[in-house]
Amino acid sequence: MKDSSKTSMETPGDIGPSKLDEEGPESEPPQRLSLEVVIESGDWAAAGDLNALVSGVAEVVAAATELAPRFRTPATACIAFTGDAAVRALNAQYRGQDKATNVLSFPAPPPPRGHRSDGEPMFLGDVALAAETVAAEAREQAIPFTHHVRHLVVHGVLHLLGHDHETDSEAEIMEALETRLLADLGVPDPYRSNG
């Protein structure tokens, strides 16, 4: 708790709270990436605390050196945990593919040229994960459900940040970045062949 009785001498004759007193020596740096969790549907119980899982992803992504330029100003995105039916509908509507998929990303349009955020975080977009597909893939790959969820959240957020895998070179860059970020989260390389 801040002690409002403290004063400091910033310049001769200037008595009042210093910037250090306002922020406090224990204050945390501003959050560079905030990911909002929305649980719409599906069975996500095996993932445990989704807020903690997503918060961990946000910290690792925001701390990545190669992504630092994207976080000069704070950013935010929404991670929707839903079911196959909802993701199938989104996939049909926006991608013309009438089937469920594990994750979809919807990058927000860039702000208008010259737009000032006035300190508001930049909205990156939305990511939607499909519970049944994610669980089936984790079982098929014999990997922990939480590892696969972390991977897909990282994958979706990287799409929001402009990464893609349409070409071999894009895929190579994106997969290398995902692998490094996931290692920081304690998740083994999802692209390594198991045998």
C-alpha atoms as a PDB file:
ATOM      1  CA  MET A   1       0.000   0.000   0.000  1.00  0.00           C
ATOM      2  CA  LYS A   2       1.318   3.414  -0.932  1.00  0.00           C
ATOM      3  CA  ASP A   3       2.338   5.694   1.918  1.00  0.00           C
ATOM      4  CA  SER A   4       0.957   9.064   0.825  1.00  0.00           C
ATOM      5  CA  SER A   5       2.941  10.867   3.484  1.00  0.00           C
ATOM      6  CA  LYS A   6       6.231  10.318   1.627  1.00  0.00           C
ATOM      7  CA  THR A   7       7.736  13.204  -0.228  1.00  0.00           C
ATOM      8  CA  SER A   8      10.793  13.577  -2.360  1.00  0.00           C
ATOM      9  CA  MET A   9      12.893  16.419  -3.646  1.00  0.00           C
ATOM     10  CA  GLU A  10      12.869  16.173  -7.438  1.00  0.00           C
ATOM     11  CA  THR A  11      14.122  19.732  -7.902  1.00  0.00           C
ATOM     12  CA  PRO A  12      14.886  22.419  -5.324  1.00  0.00           C
ATOM     13  CA  GLY A  13      11.650  23.856  -4.033  1.00  0.00           C
ATOM     14  CA  ASP A  14       9.517  21.009  -5.466  1.00  0.00           C
ATOM     15  CA  ILE A  15       7.913  19.123  -2.611  1.00  0.00           C
ATOM     16  CA  GLY A  16       5.422  16.409  -3.377  1.00  0.00           C
ATOM     17  CA  PRO A  17       5.065  12.756  -4.291  1.00  0.00           C
ATOM     18  CA  SER A  18       7.670  11.502  -6.734  1.00  0.00           C
ATOM     19  CA  LYS A  19       6.975   9.311  -9.713  1.00  0.00           C
ATOM     20  CA  LEU A  20       8.556   6.456  -7.753  1.00  0.00           C
ATOM     21  CA  ASP A  21       6.111   7.049  -4.901  1.00  0.00           C
ATOM     22  CA  GLU A  22       3.150   7.007  -7.310  1.00  0.00           C
ATOM     23  CA  GLU A  23       4.167   3.763  -8.984  1.00  0.00           C
ATOM     24  CA  GLY A  24       5.781   2.208  -5.936  1.00  0.00           C
ATOM     25  CA  PRO A  25       8.980   0.198  -6.024  1.00  0.00           C
ATOM     26  CA  GLU A  26       6.958  -3.033  -6.084  1.00  0.00           C
ATOM     27  CA  SER A  27       4.722  -2.032  -8.996  1.00  0.00           C
ATOM     28  CA  GLU A  28       4.713  -4.399 -11.927  1.00  0.00           C
ATOM     29  CA  PRO A  29       5.567  -3.257 -15.431  1.00  0.00           C
ATOM     30  CA  PRO A  30       2.524  -2.728 -17.653  1.00  0.00           C
ATOM     31  CA  GLN A  31       1.136  -5.928 -19.127  1.00  0.00           C
ATOM     32  CA  ARG A  32       2.224  -6.036 -22.774  1.00  0.00           C
ATOM     33  CA  LEU A  33      -0.304  -8.677 -23.870  1.00  0.00           C
ATOM     34  CA  SER A  34      -3.598  -9.418 -22.212  1.00  0.00           C
ATOM     35  CA  LEU A  35      -5.608 -12.416 -23.402  1.00  0.00           C
ATOM     36  CA  GLU A  36      -9.235 -12.537 -22.315  1.00  0.00           C
ATOM     37  CA  VAL A  37     -10.648 -16.025 -21.754  1.00  0.00           C
ATOM     38  CA  VAL A  38     -14.221 -16.719 -22.823  1.00  0.00           C
ATOM     39  CA  ILE A  39     -15.569 -20.217 -22.191  1.00  0.00           C
ATOM     40  CA  GLU A  40     -18.570 -20.656 -24.456  1.00  0.00           C
ATOM     41  CA  SER A  41     -19.067 -24.416 -24.608  1.00  0.00           C
ATOM     42  CA  GLY A  42     -17.280 -27.746 -24.758  1.00  0.00           C
ATOM     43  CA  ASP A  43     -15.552 -29.839 -22.124  1.00  0.00           C
ATOM     44  CA  TRP A  44     -12.366 -27.999 -21.141  1.00  0.00           C
ATOM     45  CA  ALA A  45     -12.055 -29.478 -17.625  1.00  0.00           C
ATOM     46  CA  ALA A  46      -8.956 -31.526 -18.541  1.00  0.00           C
ATOM     47  CA  ALA A  47      -7.112 -28.268 -19.316  1.00  0.00           C
ATOM     48  CA  GLY A  48      -7.401 -27.156 -15.706  1.00  0.00           C
ATOM     49  CA  ASP A  49      -7.368 -23.417 -15.024  1.00  0.00           C
ATOM     50  CA  LEU A  50      -7.764 -21.887 -18.486  1.00  0.00           C
ATOM     51  CA  ASN A  51      -7.149 -18.372 -17.176  1.00  0.00           C
ATOM     52  CA  ALA A  52      -3.752 -19.401 -15.773  1.00  0.00           C
ATOM     53  CA  LEU A  53      -2.898 -21.375 -18.918  1.00  0.00           C
ATOM     54  CA  VAL A  54      -3.709 -18.439 -21.204  1.00  0.00           C
ATOM     55  CA  SER A  55      -1.986 -15.942 -18.912  1.00  0.00           C
ATOM     56  CA  GLY A  56       1.192 -18.018 -19.134  1.00  0.00           C
ATOM     57  CA  VAL A  57       0.987 -17.983 -22.922  1.00  0.00           C
ATOM     58  CA  ALA A  58       0.512 -14.202 -22.908  1.00  0.00           C
ATOM     59  CA  GLU A  59       3.600 -13.681 -20.752  1.00  0.00           C
ATOM     60  CA  VAL A  60       5.816 -15.884 -22.930  1.00  0.00           C
ATOM     61  CA  VAL A  61       4.579 -14.395 -26.223  1.00  0.00           C
ATOM     62  CA  ALA A  62       4.998 -10.811 -24.980  1.00  0.00           C
ATOM     63  CA  ALA A  63       8.516 -11.580 -23.723  1.00  0.00           C
ATOM     64  CA  ALA A  64       9.722 -13.037 -27.046  1.00  0.00           C
ATOM     65  CA  THR A  65      12.507 -10.886 -28.471  1.00  0.00           C
ATOM     66  CA  GLU A  66      11.380 -11.350 -32.063  1.00  0.00           C
ATOM     67  CA  LEU A  67       7.865 -10.184 -31.174  1.00  0.00           C
ATOM     68  CA  ALA A  68       8.952  -7.193 -29.058  1.00  0.00           C
ATOM     69  CA  PRO A  69       8.210  -4.584 -31.763  1.00  0.00           C
ATOM     70  CA  ARG A  70       4.543  -5.673 -31.717  1.00  0.00           C
ATOM     71  CA  PHE A  71       4.288  -4.882 -28.005  1.00  0.00           C
ATOM     72  CA  ARG A  72       5.648  -1.353 -27.866  1.00  0.00           C
ATOM     73  CA  THR A  73       2.106  -0.515 -26.854  1.00  0.00           C
ATOM     74  CA  PRO A  74      -0.067  -2.954 -24.895  1.00  0.00           C
ATOM     75  CA  ALA A  75      -2.240  -5.350 -26.883  1.00  0.00           C
ATOM     76  CA  THR A  76      -5.224  -7.528 -26.124  1.00  0.00           C
ATOM     77  CA  ALA A  77      -7.063 -10.427 -27.752  1.00  0.00           C
ATOM     78  CA  CYS A  78      -9.895 -12.780 -26.923  1.00  0.00           C
ATOM     79  CA  ILE A  79      -9.439 -16.562 -26.668  1.00  0.00           C
ATOM     80  CA  ALA A  80     -12.797 -18.337 -27.004  1.00  0.00           C
ATOM     81  CA  PHE A  81     -13.007 -21.906 -25.775  1.00  0.00           C
ATOM     82  CA  THR A  82     -15.969 -23.454 -27.534  1.00  0.00           C
ATOM     83  CA  GLY A  83     -17.106 -26.643 -29.203  1.00  0.00           C
ATOM     84  CA  ASP A  84     -16.895 -28.234 -32.626  1.00  0.00           C
ATOM     85  CA  ALA A  85     -20.350 -27.046 -33.699  1.00  0.00           C
ATOM     86  CA  ALA A  86     -19.491 -23.377 -33.174  1.00  0.00           C
ATOM     87  CA  VAL A  87     -16.074 -23.669 -34.832  1.00  0.00           C
ATOM     88  CA  ARG A  88     -17.607 -25.601 -37.735  1.00  0.00           C
ATOM     89  CA  ALA A  89     -20.122 -22.766 -38.258  1.00  0.00           C
ATOM     90  CA  LEU A  90     -17.340 -20.155 -38.148  1.00  0.00           C
ATOM     91  CA  ASN A  91     -15.177 -22.207 -40.495  1.00  0.00           C
ATOM     92  CA  ALA A  92     -18.045 -22.522 -42.987  1.00  0.00           C
ATOM     93  CA  GLN A  93     -18.970 -18.845 -42.775  1.00  0.00           C
ATOM     94  CA  TYR A  94     -15.488 -17.323 -42.965  1.00  0.00           C
ATOM     95  CA  ARG A  95     -13.386 -19.945 -44.746  1.00  0.00           C
ATOM     96  CA  GLY A  96     -15.945 -21.787 -46.859  1.00  0.00           C
ATOM     97  CA  GLN A  97     -15.057 -25.107 -45.182  1.00  0.00           C
ATOM     98  CA  ASP A  98     -18.035 -26.888 -43.627  1.00  0.00           C
ATOM     99  CA  LYS A  99     -16.071 -28.850 -41.029  1.00  0.00           C
ATOM    100  CA  ALA A 100     -14.702 -28.419 -37.544  1.00  0.00           C
ATOM    101  CA  THR A 101     -11.040 -27.568 -37.088  1.00  0.00           C
ATOM    102  CA  ASN A 102      -8.873 -27.267 -33.996  1.00  0.00           C
ATOM    103  CA  VAL A 103      -8.306 -23.484 -33.966  1.00  0.00           C
ATOM    104  CA  LEU A 104      -9.403 -20.435 -35.950  1.00  0.00           C
ATOM    105  CA  SER A 105      -7.920 -16.952 -35.740  1.00  0.00           C
ATOM    106  CA  PHE A 106      -9.667 -13.746 -36.703  1.00  0.00           C
ATOM    107  CA  PRO A 107      -7.178 -10.855 -36.800  1.00  0.00           C
ATOM    108  CA  ALA A 108      -8.691  -7.439 -36.139  1.00  0.00           C
ATOM    109  CA  PRO A 109      -8.339  -4.885 -38.907  1.00  0.00           C
ATOM    110  CA  PRO A 110      -5.500  -2.433 -38.309  1.00  0.00           C
ATOM    111  CA  PRO A 111      -6.485   0.878 -36.743  1.00  0.00           C
ATOM    112  CA  PRO A 112      -6.982   3.770 -39.166  1.00  0.00           C
ATOM    113  CA  ARG A 113      -3.812   5.578 -40.166  1.00  0.00           C
ATOM    114  CA  GLY A 114      -2.965   8.255 -37.637  1.00  0.00           C
ATOM    115  CA  HIS A 115      -5.250   6.705 -35.003  1.00  0.00           C
ATOM    116  CA  ARG A 116      -4.090   7.398 -31.445  1.00  0.00           C
ATOM    117  CA  SER A 117      -4.954   4.821 -28.827  1.00  0.00           C
ATOM    118  CA  ASP A 118      -4.721   7.246 -25.880  1.00  0.00           C
ATOM    119  CA  GLY A 119      -3.248   4.423 -23.815  1.00  0.00           C
ATOM    120  CA  GLU A 120      -5.871   1.865 -24.738  1.00  0.00           C
ATOM    121  CA  PRO A 121      -4.487  -1.566 -25.668  1.00  0.00           C
ATOM    122  CA  MET A 122      -4.532  -2.423 -29.358  1.00  0.00           C
ATOM    123  CA  PHE A 123      -7.083  -5.160 -30.077  1.00  0.00           C
ATOM    124  CA  LEU A 124      -5.404  -7.967 -32.048  1.00  0.00           C
ATOM    125  CA  GLY A 125      -8.478 -10.112 -32.712  1.00  0.00           C
ATOM    126  CA  ASP A 126     -10.129 -13.365 -31.655  1.00  0.00           C
ATOM    127  CA  VAL A 127      -9.050 -16.991 -31.469  1.00  0.00           C
ATOM    128  CA  ALA A 128     -11.537 -19.871 -31.184  1.00  0.00           C
ATOM    129  CA  LEU A 129     -10.660 -23.422 -30.126  1.00  0.00           C
ATOM    130  CA  ALA A 130     -12.927 -26.464 -30.639  1.00  0.00           C
ATOM    131  CA  ALA A 131     -13.030 -28.755 -27.590  1.00  0.00           C
ATOM    132  CA  GLU A 132     -13.874 -32.060 -29.250  1.00  0.00           C
ATOM    133  CA  THR A 133     -11.329 -31.674 -32.058  1.00  0.00           C
ATOM    134  CA  VAL A 134      -8.573 -30.525 -29.688  1.00  0.00           C
ATOM    135  CA  ALA A 135      -9.249 -33.478 -27.342  1.00  0.00           C
ATOM    136  CA  ALA A 136      -9.330 -35.990 -30.232  1.00  0.00           C
ATOM    137  CA  GLU A 137      -6.031 -34.673 -31.632  1.00  0.00           C
ATOM    138  CA  ALA A 138      -4.365 -34.870 -28.207  1.00  0.00           C
ATOM    139  CA  ARG A 139      -5.510 -38.497 -27.843  1.00  0.00           C
ATOM    140  CA  GLU A 140      -4.381 -39.405 -31.392  1.00  0.00           C
ATOM    141  CA  GLN A 141      -0.966 -37.788 -30.834  1.00  0.00           C
ATOM    142  CA  ALA A 142      -0.661 -39.259 -27.314  1.00  0.00           C
ATOM    143  CA  ILE A 143       0.146 -35.854 -25.826  1.00  0.00           C
ATOM    144  CA  PRO A 144      -1.257 -34.150 -22.732  1.00  0.00           C
ATOM    145  CA  PHE A 145      -4.404 -32.167 -23.435  1.00  0.00           C
ATOM    146  CA  THR A 146      -2.945 -29.084 -21.715  1.00  0.00           C
ATOM    147  CA  HIS A 147       0.114 -29.191 -23.992  1.00  0.00           C
ATOM    148  CA  HIS A 148      -2.071 -29.260 -27.075  1.00  0.00           C
ATOM    149  CA  VAL A 149      -4.256 -26.419 -25.775  1.00  0.00           C
ATOM    150  CA  ARG A 150      -1.162 -24.292 -25.058  1.00  0.00           C
ATOM    151  CA  HIS A 151       0.182 -25.052 -28.540  1.00  0.00           C
ATOM    152  CA  LEU A 152      -3.055 -24.021 -30.231  1.00  0.00           C
ATOM    153  CA  VAL A 153      -3.373 -20.816 -28.190  1.00  0.00           C
ATOM    154  CA  VAL A 154       0.209 -19.895 -29.147  1.00  0.00           C
ATOM    155  CA  HIS A 155      -0.526 -20.830 -32.780  1.00  0.00           C
ATOM    156  CA  GLY A 156      -3.697 -18.738 -32.847  1.00  0.00           C
ATOM    157  CA  VAL A 157      -2.055 -15.701 -31.242  1.00  0.00           C
ATOM    158  CA  LEU A 158       0.837 -15.864 -33.724  1.00  0.00           C
ATOM    159  CA  HIS A 159      -1.742 -15.715 -36.530  1.00  0.00           C
ATOM    160  CA  LEU A 160      -3.177 -12.580 -34.909  1.00  0.00           C
ATOM    161  CA  LEU A 161       0.338 -11.132 -34.965  1.00  0.00           C
ATOM    162  CA  GLY A 162       0.639 -11.716 -38.717  1.00  0.00           C
ATOM    163  CA  HIS A 163       2.405 -15.073 -38.860  1.00  0.00           C
ATOM    164  CA  ASP A 164       1.159 -17.687 -41.312  1.00  0.00           C
ATOM    165  CA  HIS A 165       2.014 -21.082 -42.762  1.00  0.00           C
ATOM    166  CA  GLU A 166       0.686 -20.849 -46.321  1.00  0.00           C
ATOM    167  CA  THR A 167       4.147 -21.397 -47.838  1.00  0.00           C
ATOM    168  CA  ASP A 168       6.959 -23.711 -46.732  1.00  0.00           C
ATOM    169  CA  SER A 169       9.152 -20.772 -45.707  1.00  0.00           C
ATOM    170  CA  GLU A 170       6.332 -19.155 -43.694  1.00  0.00           C
ATOM    171  CA  ALA A 171       5.584 -22.488 -42.024  1.00  0.00           C
ATOM    172  CA  GLU A 172       9.242 -23.001 -41.145  1.00  0.00           C
ATOM    173  CA  ILE A 173       9.475 -19.566 -39.498  1.00  0.00           C
ATOM    174  CA  MET A 174       6.183 -19.929 -37.634  1.00  0.00           C
ATOM    175  CA  GLU A 175       6.894 -23.480 -36.448  1.00  0.00           C
ATOM    176  CA  ALA A 176      10.365 -22.509 -35.163  1.00  0.00           C
ATOM    177  CA  LEU A 177       8.865 -19.607 -33.215  1.00  0.00           C
ATOM    178  CA  GLU A 178       6.049 -21.788 -31.839  1.00  0.00           C
ATOM    179  CA  THR A 179       8.540 -24.455 -30.791  1.00  0.00           C
ATOM    180  CA  ARG A 180      10.681 -21.932 -28.919  1.00  0.00           C
ATOM    181  CA  LEU A 181       7.701 -20.304 -27.190  1.00  0.00           C
ATOM    182  CA  LEU A 182       6.282 -23.692 -26.228  1.00  0.00           C
ATOM    183  CA  ALA A 183       9.647 -24.764 -24.793  1.00  0.00           C
ATOM    184  CA  ASP A 184       9.437 -21.699 -22.526  1.00  0.00           C
ATOM    185  CA  LEU A 185       6.036 -23.028 -21.417  1.00  0.00           C
ATOM    186  CA  GLY A 186       7.412 -26.536 -20.749  1.00  0.00           C
ATOM    187  CA  VAL A 187       5.767 -28.050 -23.839  1.00  0.00           C
ATOM    188  CA  PRO A 188       7.871 -30.371 -26.041  1.00  0.00           C
ATOM    189  CA  ASP A 189       8.283 -29.630 -29.754  1.00  0.00           C
ATOM    190  CA  PRO A 190       4.891 -30.487 -31.308  1.00  0.00           C
ATOM    191  CA  TYR A 191       6.449 -30.824 -34.757  1.00  0.00           C
ATOM    192  CA  ARG A 192       9.093 -33.372 -33.803  1.00  0.00           C
ATOM    193  CA  SER A 193       8.335 -36.810 -35.166  1.00  0.00           C
ATOM    194  CA  ASN A 194       7.689 -39.370 -32.484  1.00  0.00           C
ATOM    195  CA  GLY A 195       9.270 -42.131 -34.356  1.00  0.00           C
END
